[in-house]
C-alpha cells in the first residue's frame, strides 16, 4: 500500500503487535465513512484478483498504515517459512506426528517436485474414476442385475459436510447418466436421516458409500449397520450382496474387509489427510458421481491454482494471507469475535456449515505450539446463511443490534443462460432474479458499512432513532465469474489457507481435534448404561446420574 506508515518515536523499537495495539487506540472509533472520505480510491487499492475471482476488502476497517503493519506481522511470524513447511513432507501436525498434505490431493499427475506423492494420489483417484464411470454407464449393477439409481453416502464431519456442500453447490453441473442417478447423504447417529431415506429406495438399485477415515466412527458404523440389515433383509446375507451394494473409503483396508466390503470396492486414504480437508480425496466420490470425472478434475485444478497463488504471491497481493490478516485485525484488535458468511446464491446453502468445521475445528484452540496458553483470542465463532434468507432472519441484529460482526459476502457474477432452459424467456426471468440477489448483496454490505450515510437526504429528514443505522460493520466481498467446479475449488482452498495463516499468527496447531475425540470417548462410557449392560452410575456427576435415571425410566421413589 502507498500510504506512508505513521512515525513512531525513534527511541521506541516496537514489534508489529505493539504497533497494531497503538494503532487500534487511534483508529478503534474511526468510521468507515471517514476512511472512504480520506481514500477515494479504496476499491482499487484494497482489491485483489486471481483468475476468475475478485476479493474486495475495501469495506474493512483498515487504512494503508494498518495494512502495512499487518503485513509486517505476517513477516515477523515467519509466515513464509511456515507456508514452505506446509507444502512439504514435514510432520507439521506435531501432536499426532502426521503431515498435513491435503494440497497433495490436487497435485497434477506429472508433478515434478513430488512425483511419488502425485502418483500415489492419482492411483487412488483413478480407482475412484473407474467406479464413477461404471455407475454412470449403467455397468455397475446391484446383485439382481438392475442398474444402480440411488447412491447413499454414509459419513459424518468431513466425510459428509464437504461432499454434501460441493454436490449441492455444483447441482447445475450434474452429469447425464444412462438412468437418472440420485446421490443422498446420511450423517446423524440417531438414524432419523437414514429412516427418512430408506422407505423411498429400492434395495435392488441402491448403492451405499461408507466414508470413514478410521472406519471406527460410531455415528457412521451405526448407520452402515442399519443399511446392511435393510439390504440383507431384502436381498439375502451373502458376500455377493455386500460386494454389489457397498463401497468403503478409509485408511483401514483391513477394517473394511472385516466389515464385508470387497477389496475391489475399497478406496484408500492416508493419515496425512485431515477429515475436514478430505473432499479432494476419494471421500469426494459423491461429488464425482454428481458432476462427473471431468468436473471433479476441474474442482482439483481450481484448488491447485490457489495452492500456487498462496505459495508465490507477495503477502500484500496474496488472498489467503489477506483474509487471515483481516481476521486477526477484526478478532484480536477490533474485538469482533463472530464472523458471518453470507453467500448470495442458493446453491451455497451448506457453505457456512462447511466452514464452521473447517475454521472452528481447526483453530478452536487455546494451547500454543510451545504448550503454553494463548495470550489472545483465537478462532471467532463462524456462522451464516444464504443471504436472501438471512436478510429475513438475523440482518436486523447486524444492522441495529448491539453486536459487532465481520462478514464475508459471496456471489457469482453470472448465473443463468438461455441454454439451460427450454424457453429463453425462462432464462430471462431467472437472470432478473439473479440481479435481484446481486443488488441485495451490494445493498446490504453498503448499509452495514456506511449506516445512515447510505440513505438519501429525503430518507434522513426527521428520521426517528429506531430507523437509524450506525454502520461501521466491516465486510469483504468475494465475486466469482460464475459458480462452477473450478471457481468453487478456488474458493474452498482460499478458506483452507486462510485458516492456516491464522494458526501461524496464533501459534497453534490447526490440524488436530482432541476436543472432538474426548467427547466421543465419554459417550462410550455412557452407552453400556443406556443399553442395560451396566448399572453402576456412581462414576458420574449428580446431574448426569439424574438424567440417566430419567432416560432409563427409573424413579427415586
Protein backbone atom coordinates (compact mmCIF):
# COMPACT_ATOMS: atom_id res chain seq x y z
CA UNK A 1 0.00 0.00 0.00
CA UNK A 2 1.20 3.51 -0.80
CA UNK A 3 0.15 5.30 2.35
CA UNK A 4 3.13 6.17 4.50
CA UNK A 5 3.34 4.48 7.89
CA UNK A 6 2.87 6.93 10.70
CA UNK A 7 6.00 7.82 12.59
CA UNK A 8 6.59 6.11 15.90
CA UNK A 9 9.04 7.66 18.40
CA UNK A 10 12.63 6.97 17.26
CA UNK A 11 13.75 5.63 20.61
CA UNK A 12 10.88 3.13 20.60
CA UNK A 13 11.57 -0.22 18.94
CA UNK A 14 8.11 -1.71 18.67
CA UNK A 15 7.09 -5.12 17.48
CA UNK A 16 4.38 -5.32 14.84
CA UNK A 17 1.90 -6.42 17.53
CA UNK A 18 2.79 -3.40 19.67
CA UNK A 19 2.35 -1.14 16.65
CA UNK A 20 -1.09 -2.63 15.99
CA UNK A 21 -2.02 -2.10 19.64
CA UNK A 22 -1.13 1.57 19.31
CA UNK A 23 -2.96 1.85 16.01
CA UNK A 24 -6.15 0.38 17.45
CA UNK A 25 -6.08 3.08 20.14
CA UNK A 26 -6.03 5.63 17.35
CA UNK A 27 -8.43 4.02 14.89
CA UNK A 28 -10.84 1.99 17.04
CA UNK A 29 -13.60 4.58 16.71
CA UNK A 30 -12.83 5.74 13.18
CA UNK A 31 -15.85 5.10 10.96
CA UNK A 32 -15.73 3.54 7.51
CA UNK A 33 -17.35 6.73 6.21
CA UNK A 34 -14.25 8.65 7.26
CA UNK A 35 -11.92 6.07 5.75
CA UNK A 36 -13.72 6.31 2.41
CA UNK A 37 -13.63 10.11 2.52
CA UNK A 38 -9.85 10.08 3.03
CA UNK A 39 -9.18 7.40 0.42
CA UNK A 40 -11.38 7.91 -2.62
CA UNK A 41 -9.64 5.06 -4.45
CA UNK A 42 -10.25 2.41 -1.79
CA UNK A 43 -11.80 -0.10 -4.19
CA UNK A 44 -8.76 -0.01 -6.45
CA UNK A 45 -6.38 -0.02 -3.51
CA UNK A 46 -7.96 -2.80 -1.45
CA UNK A 47 -8.87 -5.33 -4.15
CA UNK A 48 -7.02 -8.40 -5.43
CA UNK A 49 -7.93 -10.61 -8.37
CA UNK A 50 -6.89 -14.21 -9.00
CA UNK A 51 -8.09 -15.83 -12.23
CA UNK A 52 -11.90 -15.55 -12.28
CA UNK A 53 -12.17 -14.46 -8.63
CA UNK A 54 -12.22 -10.94 -7.13
CA UNK A 55 -11.54 -10.26 -3.45
CA UNK A 56 -12.70 -6.79 -2.34
CA UNK A 57 -11.72 -5.78 1.19
CA UNK A 58 -12.25 -2.03 0.81
CA UNK A 59 -15.07 -2.13 3.39
CA UNK A 60 -12.74 -3.46 6.08
CA UNK A 61 -11.84 -1.02 8.86
CA UNK A 62 -8.21 -0.54 7.82
CA UNK A 63 -6.09 2.08 6.09
CA UNK A 64 -2.68 1.87 4.45
CA UNK A 65 -0.85 2.26 7.76
CA UNK A 66 -2.74 -0.55 9.45
CA UNK A 67 -2.37 -2.73 6.40
CA UNK A 68 1.39 -2.34 6.17
CA UNK A 69 1.80 -3.25 9.83
CA UNK A 70 -0.46 -6.31 9.39
CA UNK A 71 1.78 -7.47 6.54
CA UNK A 72 4.76 -6.77 8.79
CA UNK A 73 3.13 -9.01 11.41
CA UNK A 74 2.96 -11.88 8.90
CA UNK A 75 6.66 -11.41 8.16
CA UNK A 76 7.57 -11.21 11.84
CA UNK A 77 5.77 -14.51 12.45
CA UNK A 78 7.81 -16.12 9.64
CA UNK A 79 4.67 -16.93 7.68
CA UNK A 80 6.69 -17.51 4.51
CA UNK A 81 8.69 -20.24 6.24
CA UNK A 82 5.53 -21.82 7.61
CA UNK A 83 3.99 -21.88 4.14
CA UNK A 84 7.09 -23.68 2.87
CA UNK A 85 6.79 -26.14 5.74
CA UNK A 86 3.13 -26.80 4.95
CA UNK A 87 3.96 -27.62 1.32
CA UNK A 88 6.47 -30.27 2.31
CA UNK A 89 6.54 -33.71 3.92
CA UNK A 90 7.24 -32.22 7.34
CA UNK A 91 5.09 -33.56 10.20
CA UNK A 92 3.51 -30.17 10.78
CA UNK A 93 0.68 -31.79 12.78
CA UNK A 94 3.08 -32.35 15.67
CA UNK A 95 0.58 -33.62 18.29
CA UNK A 96 -0.32 -36.58 16.06
CA UNK A 97 3.07 -36.85 14.35
CA UNK A 98 1.49 -36.50 10.91
CA UNK A 99 1.98 -34.42 7.81
CA UNK A 100 -0.88 -32.22 6.61
CA UNK A 101 -0.70 -32.72 2.87
CA UNK A 102 -4.24 -32.12 1.65
CA UNK A 103 -2.64 -29.90 -1.02
CA UNK A 104 -1.10 -33.09 -2.46
CA UNK A 105 -4.58 -34.36 -3.33
CA UNK A 106 -4.80 -31.75 -6.09
CA UNK A 107 -1.28 -32.06 -7.48
CA UNK A 108 -1.13 -32.62 -11.25
CA UNK A 109 -0.23 -36.22 -12.10
CA UNK A 110 3.02 -35.09 -13.73
CA UNK A 111 4.19 -33.01 -10.75
CA UNK A 112 7.99 -32.86 -10.74
CA UNK A 113 8.62 -31.81 -7.13
CA UNK A 114 6.64 -34.68 -5.56
CA UNK A 115 6.44 -37.38 -8.27
CA UNK A 116 5.88 -40.34 -5.92
CA UNK A 117 3.23 -38.49 -3.93
CA UNK A 118 1.43 -37.38 -7.09
CA UNK A 119 1.48 -40.97 -8.41
CA UNK A 120 0.18 -42.34 -5.10
CA UNK A 121 -2.73 -39.91 -5.11
CA UNK A 122 -3.57 -40.31 -8.79
CA UNK A 123 -3.66 -44.10 -8.42
CA UNK A 124 -6.47 -43.90 -5.86
CA UNK A 125 -8.29 -41.17 -7.78
CA UNK A 126 -8.19 -43.30 -10.93
CA UNK A 127 -9.69 -46.19 -8.96
CA UNK A 128 -12.48 -43.80 -7.97
CA UNK A 129 -12.88 -42.55 -11.54
CA UNK A 130 -13.31 -46.12 -12.79
CA UNK A 131 -16.12 -46.70 -10.31
CA UNK A 132 -17.75 -43.39 -11.27
CA UNK A 133 -17.66 -44.21 -14.97
CA UNK A 134 -19.10 -47.68 -14.35
CA UNK A 135 -22.01 -46.24 -12.36
CA UNK A 136 -22.68 -43.53 -14.95
CA UNK A 137 -22.61 -46.04 -17.81
CA UNK A 138 -25.02 -48.37 -16.04
CA UNK A 139 -22.32 -51.04 -15.81
CA UNK A 140 -22.26 -51.08 -12.00
CA UNK A 141 -25.29 -53.18 -11.09
CA UNK A 142 -26.92 -54.48 -7.95
CA UNK A 143 -26.88 -58.19 -7.08
CA UNK A 144 -30.10 -58.76 -9.04
CA UNK A 145 -28.60 -57.20 -12.17
CA UNK A 146 -30.51 -53.92 -12.03
CA UNK A 147 -28.74 -50.62 -12.72
CA UNK A 148 -27.81 -48.54 -9.65
CA UNK A 149 -30.02 -45.45 -9.48
CA UNK A 150 -29.61 -44.28 -5.89
CA UNK A 151 -26.37 -43.69 -4.00
CA UNK A 152 -26.36 -43.02 -0.25
CA UNK A 153 -23.20 -41.53 1.27
CA UNK A 154 -22.86 -42.52 4.94
CA UNK A 155 -20.34 -40.35 6.78
CA UNK A 156 -20.04 -37.62 9.37
CA UNK A 157 -17.99 -34.44 9.78
CA UNK A 158 -15.58 -34.02 6.89
CA UNK A 159 -16.89 -37.20 5.25
CA UNK A 160 -20.31 -35.56 5.00
CA UNK A 161 -20.07 -31.76 5.16
CA UNK A 162 -17.59 -31.34 2.29
CA UNK A 163 -19.17 -33.76 -0.23
CA UNK A 164 -22.67 -32.52 0.65
CA UNK A 165 -21.72 -28.86 0.27
CA UNK A 166 -19.93 -29.31 -3.05
CA UNK A 167 -22.56 -31.63 -4.55
CA UNK A 168 -25.25 -29.08 -3.76
CA UNK A 169 -23.19 -26.10 -4.89
CA UNK A 170 -22.49 -27.72 -8.27
CA UNK A 171 -26.00 -29.02 -8.89
CA UNK A 172 -26.11 -27.12 -12.21
CA UNK A 173 -23.25 -29.33 -13.43
CA UNK A 174 -24.88 -32.68 -12.73
CA UNK A 175 -23.88 -35.11 -15.48
CA UNK A 176 -26.34 -37.11 -17.56
CA UNK A 177 -26.27 -40.85 -16.90
CA UNK A 178 -27.82 -43.93 -18.56
CA UNK A 179 -30.52 -43.81 -15.92
CA UNK A 180 -31.20 -40.89 -13.56
CA UNK A 181 -28.84 -41.06 -10.58
CA UNK A 182 -29.69 -39.60 -7.17
CA UNK A 183 -26.99 -39.01 -4.56
CA UNK A 184 -28.13 -38.63 -0.94
CA UNK A 185 -26.33 -38.02 2.35
CA UNK A 186 -26.73 -39.54 5.82
CA UNK A 187 -24.81 -38.40 8.89
CA UNK A 188 -26.94 -38.25 12.04
CA UNK A 189 -26.26 -41.03 14.54
CA UNK A 190 -29.90 -41.19 15.69
CA UNK A 191 -30.91 -42.78 12.40
CA UNK A 192 -33.50 -40.13 11.53
CA UNK A 193 -31.98 -39.26 8.13
CA UNK A 194 -31.49 -42.90 7.17
CA UNK A 195 -35.01 -43.82 8.25
CA UNK A 196 -36.36 -40.97 6.16
CA UNK A 197 -34.46 -42.10 3.07
CA UNK A 198 -34.77 -45.89 3.13
CA UNK A 199 -38.51 -46.03 2.57
CA UNK A 200 -38.00 -44.04 -0.64
CA UNK A 201 -35.47 -46.51 -2.09
CA UNK A 202 -35.36 -49.98 -3.61
CA UNK A 203 -32.59 -52.25 -2.27
CA UNK A 204 -32.03 -53.69 -5.77
CA UNK A 205 -30.94 -50.31 -7.17
CA UNK A 206 -29.25 -48.73 -4.13
CA UNK A 207 -25.51 -48.36 -3.53
CA UNK A 208 -24.11 -47.28 -0.15
CA UNK A 209 -20.79 -45.47 0.32
CA UNK A 210 -19.32 -45.85 3.82
CA UNK A 211 -16.88 -42.98 4.32
CA UNK A 212 -14.82 -43.12 7.49
CA UNK A 213 -11.14 -42.31 7.79
CA UNK A 214 -10.71 -44.62 10.79
CA UNK A 215 -13.59 -46.95 9.91
CA UNK A 216 -14.34 -46.81 13.61
CA UNK A 217 -16.58 -43.74 13.91
CA UNK A 218 -19.66 -44.93 15.79
CA UNK A 219 -22.02 -42.50 14.03
CA UNK A 220 -21.07 -43.82 10.61
CA UNK A 221 -20.85 -47.50 11.52
CA UNK A 222 -24.24 -47.40 13.26
CA UNK A 223 -25.89 -46.07 10.08
CA UNK A 224 -23.89 -48.54 7.97
CA UNK A 225 -25.05 -51.45 10.11
CA UNK A 226 -28.69 -50.40 9.71
CA UNK A 227 -28.21 -50.03 5.94
CA UNK A 228 -26.68 -53.52 5.74
CA UNK A 229 -29.58 -55.05 7.67
CA UNK A 230 -32.02 -53.32 5.30
CA UNK A 231 -30.20 -54.66 2.24
CA UNK A 232 -29.81 -58.19 3.63
CA UNK A 233 -33.45 -58.39 4.67
CA UNK A 234 -34.49 -57.98 1.03
CA UNK A 235 -31.59 -59.47 -0.89
CA UNK A 236 -30.12 -62.04 1.49
CA UNK A 237 -26.99 -62.42 3.56
CA UNK A 238 -24.32 -63.15 1.01
CA UNK A 239 -20.90 -61.72 0.17
CA UNK A 240 -22.15 -61.00 -3.35
CA UNK A 241 -24.85 -58.77 -1.88
CA UNK A 242 -22.34 -56.70 0.07
CA UNK A 243 -19.99 -56.58 -2.92
CA UNK A 244 -22.73 -55.21 -5.17
CA UNK A 245 -24.19 -52.65 -2.77
CA UNK A 246 -21.37 -51.27 -0.58
CA UNK A 247 -18.24 -49.20 -1.27
CA UNK A 248 -15.84 -48.25 1.51
CA UNK A 249 -13.45 -45.29 1.82
CA UNK A 250 -10.94 -45.37 4.67
CA UNK A 251 -7.30 -45.53 5.77
CA UNK A 252 -8.03 -49.00 7.18
CA UNK A 253 -8.44 -51.64 4.45
CA UNK A 254 -8.36 -54.46 6.99
CA UNK A 255 -11.36 -53.00 8.84
CA UNK A 256 -13.29 -52.56 5.59
CA UNK A 257 -12.59 -56.20 4.68
CA UNK A 258 -13.66 -57.38 8.12
CA UNK A 259 -16.93 -55.43 7.75
CA UNK A 260 -17.61 -57.19 4.46
CA UNK A 261 -16.60 -54.70 1.78
CA UNK A 262 -14.97 -56.36 -1.22
CA UNK A 263 -11.32 -55.39 -1.87
CA UNK A 264 -12.17 -54.05 -5.33
CA UNK A 265 -14.74 -51.73 -3.72
CA UNK A 266 -12.26 -50.20 -1.27
CA UNK A 267 -10.85 -46.72 -1.87
CA UNK A 268 -7.95 -45.66 0.32
CA UNK A 269 -6.99 -42.52 2.24
CA UNK A 270 -3.83 -41.56 4.09
CA UNK A 271 -3.27 -40.41 7.67
CA UNK A 272 -1.98 -37.09 6.34
CA UNK A 273 -5.46 -36.19 5.08
CA UNK A 274 -7.48 -34.46 7.80
CA UNK A 275 -11.20 -35.17 7.68
CA UNK A 276 -12.18 -31.54 7.10
CA UNK A 277 -9.65 -31.35 4.26
CA UNK A 278 -10.64 -34.64 2.61
CA UNK A 279 -13.24 -33.75 -0.03
CA UNK A 280 -10.41 -33.64 -2.61
CA UNK A 281 -9.67 -37.32 -2.00
CA UNK A 282 -11.83 -40.39 -2.65
CA UNK A 283 -14.09 -39.02 0.10
CA UNK A 284 -15.24 -36.85 -2.83
CA UNK A 285 -16.77 -39.89 -4.57
CA UNK A 286 -20.32 -38.47 -4.15
CA UNK A 287 -19.08 -35.24 -5.79
CA UNK A 288 -17.60 -37.12 -8.74
CA UNK A 289 -20.81 -39.15 -9.07
CA UNK A 290 -22.72 -35.85 -9.24
CA UNK A 291 -20.53 -33.76 -11.58
CA UNK A 292 -18.52 -36.46 -13.34
CA UNK A 293 -14.81 -37.17 -13.60
CA UNK A 294 -14.02 -34.08 -15.68
CA UNK A 295 -15.92 -31.86 -13.25
CA UNK A 296 -14.05 -33.34 -10.29
CA UNK A 297 -10.73 -32.74 -12.05
CA UNK A 298 -11.73 -29.10 -12.56
CA UNK A 299 -12.51 -28.82 -8.83
CA UNK A 300 -9.00 -30.07 -8.05
CA UNK A 301 -7.47 -27.74 -10.65
CA UNK A 302 -9.14 -24.70 -9.09
CA UNK A 303 -7.79 -25.59 -5.66
CA UNK A 304 -4.30 -26.20 -7.10
CA UNK A 305 -4.36 -22.72 -8.66
CA UNK A 306 -4.87 -21.25 -5.19
CA UNK A 307 -2.17 -23.53 -3.75
CA UNK A 308 0.29 -21.96 -6.18
CA UNK A 309 -1.03 -18.43 -5.59
CA UNK A 310 -0.63 -18.94 -1.82
CA UNK A 311 2.99 -20.03 -2.25
CA UNK A 312 4.23 -17.37 -4.67
CA UNK A 313 2.09 -14.21 -4.38
CA UNK A 314 3.59 -11.41 -2.19
CA UNK A 315 1.69 -11.04 1.06
CA UNK A 316 0.06 -7.74 0.05
CA UNK A 317 -1.43 -9.47 -3.03
CA UNK A 318 -1.98 -12.92 -1.50
CA UNK A 319 -5.69 -13.51 -0.95
CA UNK A 320 -5.49 -16.20 1.79
CA UNK A 321 -2.92 -14.07 3.62
CA UNK A 322 -5.17 -11.02 3.28
CA UNK A 323 -8.16 -12.97 4.59
CA UNK A 324 -6.14 -14.28 7.52
CA UNK A 325 -4.68 -10.91 8.48
CA UNK A 326 -8.05 -9.17 8.26
CA UNK A 327 -9.47 -11.83 10.55
CA UNK A 328 -6.67 -11.18 13.05
CA UNK A 329 -7.32 -7.43 12.94
CA UNK A 330 -11.06 -7.91 13.43
CA UNK A 331 -10.84 -10.62 16.07
CA UNK A 332 -7.86 -9.54 18.16
CA UNK A 333 -7.82 -5.77 17.80
CA UNK A 334 -11.35 -4.64 16.92
CA UNK A 335 -12.69 -7.43 19.19
CA UNK A 336 -15.23 -8.65 16.63
CA UNK A 337 -15.39 -12.25 17.71
CA UNK A 338 -18.13 -13.57 15.46
CA UNK A 339 -17.85 -13.86 11.69
CA UNK A 340 -20.82 -14.30 9.32
CA UNK A 341 -20.54 -15.97 5.90
CA UNK A 342 -23.30 -14.75 3.58
CA UNK A 343 -23.45 -16.30 0.08
CA UNK A 344 -25.96 -14.77 -2.32
CA UNK A 345 -26.57 -17.98 -4.23
CA UNK A 346 -28.91 -20.72 -3.03
CA UNK A 347 -26.55 -23.41 -4.27
CA UNK A 348 -24.11 -22.41 -1.49
CA UNK A 349 -26.64 -23.13 1.25
CA UNK A 350 -24.27 -25.56 3.02
CA UNK A 351 -21.15 -23.40 2.67
CA UNK A 352 -21.37 -21.75 6.11
CA UNK A 353 -21.87 -25.14 7.79
CA UNK A 354 -18.84 -26.48 5.95
CA UNK A 355 -16.72 -23.50 7.06
CA UNK A 356 -17.84 -23.94 10.66
CA UNK A 357 -16.00 -27.25 10.79
CA UNK A 358 -13.06 -26.06 8.70
CA UNK A 359 -12.41 -23.00 10.85
CA UNK A 360 -13.65 -23.83 14.34
CA UNK A 361 -12.39 -27.42 14.46
CA UNK A 362 -9.03 -26.24 13.12
CA UNK A 363 -8.43 -23.07 15.12
CA UNK A 364 -10.70 -23.51 18.12
CA UNK A 365 -7.61 -23.99 20.30
CA UNK A 366 -6.23 -22.36 23.44
CA UNK A 367 -2.81 -24.02 23.70
CA UNK A 368 0.17 -22.79 21.70
CA UNK A 369 2.74 -24.97 19.97
CA UNK A 370 5.07 -24.46 22.93
CA UNK A 371 2.47 -25.93 25.32
CA UNK A 372 1.55 -22.60 26.90
CA UNK A 373 -1.87 -20.96 26.95
CA UNK A 374 -2.54 -18.48 24.19
CA UNK A 375 -2.38 -14.83 25.15
CA UNK A 376 -5.06 -13.68 22.71
CA UNK A 377 -8.44 -14.82 21.42
CA UNK A 378 -8.21 -17.42 18.66
CA UNK A 379 -10.90 -18.54 16.21
CA UNK A 380 -14.07 -16.43 16.09
CA UNK A 381 -17.49 -18.06 16.03
CA UNK A 382 -18.29 -18.73 12.37
CA UNK A 383 -21.92 -18.75 11.28
CA UNK A 384 -24.07 -17.73 8.37
CA UNK A 385 -26.83 -18.48 5.91
CA UNK A 386 -27.74 -17.87 2.30
CA UNK A 387 -28.03 -14.06 2.10
CA UNK A 388 -31.66 -13.63 0.95
CA UNK A 389 -32.85 -15.93 3.75
CA UNK A 390 -30.52 -14.32 6.27
CA UNK A 391 -31.96 -10.89 5.47
CA UNK A 392 -35.28 -12.06 6.89
CA UNK A 393 -33.68 -13.75 9.89
CA UNK A 394 -30.69 -12.07 11.56
CA UNK A 395 -29.81 -8.98 9.50
CA UNK A 396 -31.85 -6.95 11.98
CA UNK A 397 -29.16 -7.75 14.57
CA UNK A 398 -26.39 -6.91 12.11
CA UNK A 399 -27.86 -3.53 11.24
CA UNK A 400 -29.30 -2.31 14.53
CA UNK A 401 -28.22 -4.73 17.25
CA UNK A 402 -25.52 -4.34 19.88
CA UNK A 403 -23.13 -6.97 18.49
CA UNK A 404 -20.30 -6.06 16.16
CA UNK A 405 -19.75 -8.66 13.45
CA UNK A 406 -17.43 -9.07 10.48
CA UNK A 407 -18.91 -10.55 7.31
CA UNK A 408 -17.98 -12.24 4.05
CA UNK A 409 -20.36 -11.66 1.13
CA UNK A 410 -20.02 -14.19 -1.71
CA UNK A 411 -21.74 -14.07 -5.10
CA UNK A 412 -21.31 -15.23 -8.71
CA UNK A 413 -21.29 -12.51 -11.37
CA UNK A 414 -23.18 -14.68 -13.88
CA UNK A 415 -25.76 -17.35 -13.25
CA UNK A 416 -28.42 -18.33 -15.78
CA UNK A 417 -28.27 -18.58 -19.55
CA UNK A 418 -30.80 -19.49 -22.22
CA UNK A 419 -29.11 -22.81 -23.00
CA UNK A 420 -30.16 -24.18 -19.61
CA UNK A 421 -33.87 -23.91 -20.36
CA UNK A 422 -36.40 -24.97 -22.98
CA UNK A 423 -37.75 -21.43 -23.32
CA UNK A 424 -35.45 -18.43 -23.45
CA UNK A 425 -37.95 -16.28 -21.56
CA UNK A 426 -37.48 -18.54 -18.53
CA UNK A 427 -33.79 -17.72 -18.58
CA UNK A 428 -34.52 -14.00 -18.84
CA UNK A 429 -36.82 -14.12 -15.82
CA UNK A 430 -34.24 -16.05 -13.81
CA UNK A 431 -31.46 -13.66 -14.83
CA UNK A 432 -33.61 -10.87 -13.42
CA UNK A 433 -33.91 -12.83 -10.17
CA UNK A 434 -30.15 -13.26 -10.07
CA UNK A 435 -29.76 -9.49 -10.50
CA UNK A 436 -32.21 -9.04 -7.63
CA UNK A 437 -29.97 -11.19 -5.43
CA UNK A 438 -26.85 -9.27 -6.51
CA UNK A 439 -28.50 -5.91 -5.81
CA UNK A 440 -29.38 -7.10 -2.30
CA UNK A 441 -25.83 -8.37 -1.75
CA UNK A 442 -24.34 -4.98 -2.61
CA UNK A 443 -27.02 -3.05 -0.73
CA UNK A 444 -26.54 -4.99 2.49
CA UNK A 445 -22.75 -4.62 2.56
CA UNK A 446 -23.22 -0.91 1.77
CA UNK A 447 -25.68 -0.32 4.60
CA UNK A 448 -23.58 -2.35 7.04
CA UNK A 449 -20.55 -0.24 6.21
CA UNK A 450 -21.95 3.27 5.93
CA UNK A 451 -25.11 3.24 8.02
CA UNK A 452 -27.15 6.44 7.73
CA UNK A 453 -24.79 7.80 5.11
CA UNK A 454 -26.10 5.12 2.71
CA UNK A 455 -29.54 6.77 2.94
CA UNK A 456 -30.78 9.59 0.76
CA UNK A 457 -31.28 13.13 2.06
CA UNK A 458 -35.07 12.68 1.91
CA UNK A 459 -34.84 9.46 3.95
CA UNK A 460 -32.70 11.16 6.59
CA UNK A 461 -35.10 14.07 7.09
CA UNK A 462 -36.77 13.81 10.52
CA UNK A 463 -35.65 10.17 10.79
CA UNK A 464 -36.59 8.70 14.21
CA UNK A 465 -33.86 6.93 16.18
CA UNK A 466 -35.35 3.48 15.68
CA UNK A 467 -34.95 3.88 11.92
CA UNK A 468 -31.31 4.94 12.04
CA UNK A 469 -28.25 2.83 11.24
CA UNK A 470 -24.83 3.13 12.84
CA UNK A 471 -22.96 1.15 10.18
CA UNK A 472 -19.22 0.59 10.57
CA UNK A 473 -19.67 -3.21 10.33
CA UNK A 474 -16.70 -4.44 8.26
CA UNK A 475 -17.06 -6.89 5.40
CA UNK A 476 -15.24 -8.40 2.45
CA UNK A 477 -16.89 -9.34 -0.84
CA UNK A 478 -15.82 -12.29 -2.98
CA UNK A 479 -17.12 -12.32 -6.55
CA UNK A 480 -16.80 -15.40 -8.76
CA UNK A 481 -17.13 -15.01 -12.53
CA UNK A 482 -19.55 -17.93 -12.19
CA UNK A 483 -20.00 -20.74 -9.71
CA UNK A 484 -18.50 -23.79 -11.42
CA UNK A 485 -16.20 -26.66 -10.33
CA UNK A 486 -13.01 -24.67 -10.97
CA UNK A 487 -14.10 -21.50 -9.14
CA UNK A 488 -15.55 -23.47 -6.22
CA UNK A 489 -12.25 -25.32 -5.88
CA UNK A 490 -10.54 -21.94 -5.69
CA UNK A 491 -13.00 -20.61 -3.11
CA UNK A 492 -12.66 -23.59 -0.76
CA UNK A 493 -8.86 -23.57 -0.98
CA UNK A 494 -8.79 -19.85 -0.12
CA UNK A 495 -10.55 -20.55 3.17
CA UNK A 496 -8.35 -23.59 3.88
CA UNK A 497 -5.22 -21.48 3.58
CA UNK A 498 -6.77 -18.55 5.47
CA UNK A 499 -7.22 -20.95 8.39
CA UNK A 500 -3.56 -21.95 8.18
CA UNK A 501 -2.39 -18.31 8.09
CA UNK A 502 -4.31 -17.55 11.26
CA UNK A 503 -2.99 -20.67 13.00
CA UNK A 504 0.56 -19.45 12.37
CA UNK A 505 -0.22 -15.99 13.76
CA UNK A 506 -1.86 -17.53 16.84
CA UNK A 507 0.93 -20.14 17.15
CA UNK A 508 -1.49 -23.08 17.35
CA UNK A 509 -1.81 -26.44 15.59
CA UNK A 510 -4.81 -26.33 13.20
CA UNK A 511 -4.63 -29.99 12.21
CA UNK A 512 -5.65 -31.90 15.35
CA UNK A 513 -9.03 -32.01 17.13
CA UNK A 514 -8.58 -33.53 20.56
CA UNK A 515 -11.68 -31.75 21.85
CA UNK A 516 -13.77 -33.77 19.40
CA UNK A 517 -12.18 -37.09 20.37
CA UNK A 518 -12.66 -36.83 24.14
CA UNK A 519 -16.42 -36.24 23.94
CA UNK A 520 -16.79 -39.43 21.90
CA UNK A 521 -14.78 -41.37 24.49
CA UNK A 522 -17.06 -40.24 27.31
CA UNK A 523 -20.11 -41.21 25.23
CA UNK A 524 -18.70 -44.74 25.03
CA UNK A 525 -18.67 -44.85 28.84
CA UNK A 526 -22.36 -43.95 28.96
CA UNK A 527 -23.63 -46.21 26.19
CA UNK A 528 -23.39 -49.51 28.19
CA UNK A 529 -25.58 -47.98 30.90
CA UNK A 530 -28.30 -46.92 28.44
CA UNK A 531 -28.12 -50.35 26.80
CA UNK A 532 -28.69 -52.02 30.18
CA UNK A 533 -25.28 -53.69 30.20
CA UNK A 534 -24.07 -51.78 33.26
CA UNK A 535 -25.97 -50.41 36.24
CA UNK A 536 -23.43 -48.51 38.37
CA UNK A 537 -23.91 -44.74 37.97
CA UNK A 538 -21.59 -43.66 40.79
CA UNK A 539 -18.74 -42.64 38.47
CA UNK A 540 -20.80 -39.76 37.08
CA UNK A 541 -21.81 -36.36 38.42
CA UNK A 542 -25.22 -35.99 40.03
CA UNK A 543 -26.70 -34.18 37.03
CA UNK A 544 -25.70 -36.96 34.64
CA UNK A 545 -26.93 -39.58 37.13
CA UNK A 546 -30.31 -37.86 37.36
CA UNK A 547 -30.67 -37.61 33.59
CA UNK A 548 -29.67 -41.26 33.16
CA UNK A 549 -32.35 -42.34 35.64
CA UNK A 550 -34.99 -40.48 33.66
CA UNK A 551 -33.77 -41.97 30.40
CA UNK A 552 -33.79 -45.45 31.95
CA UNK A 553 -37.27 -44.93 33.39
CA UNK A 554 -36.11 -45.18 36.98
CA UNK A 555 -37.56 -43.09 39.80
CA UNK A 556 -36.15 -42.26 43.20
CA UNK A 557 -39.39 -43.25 44.85
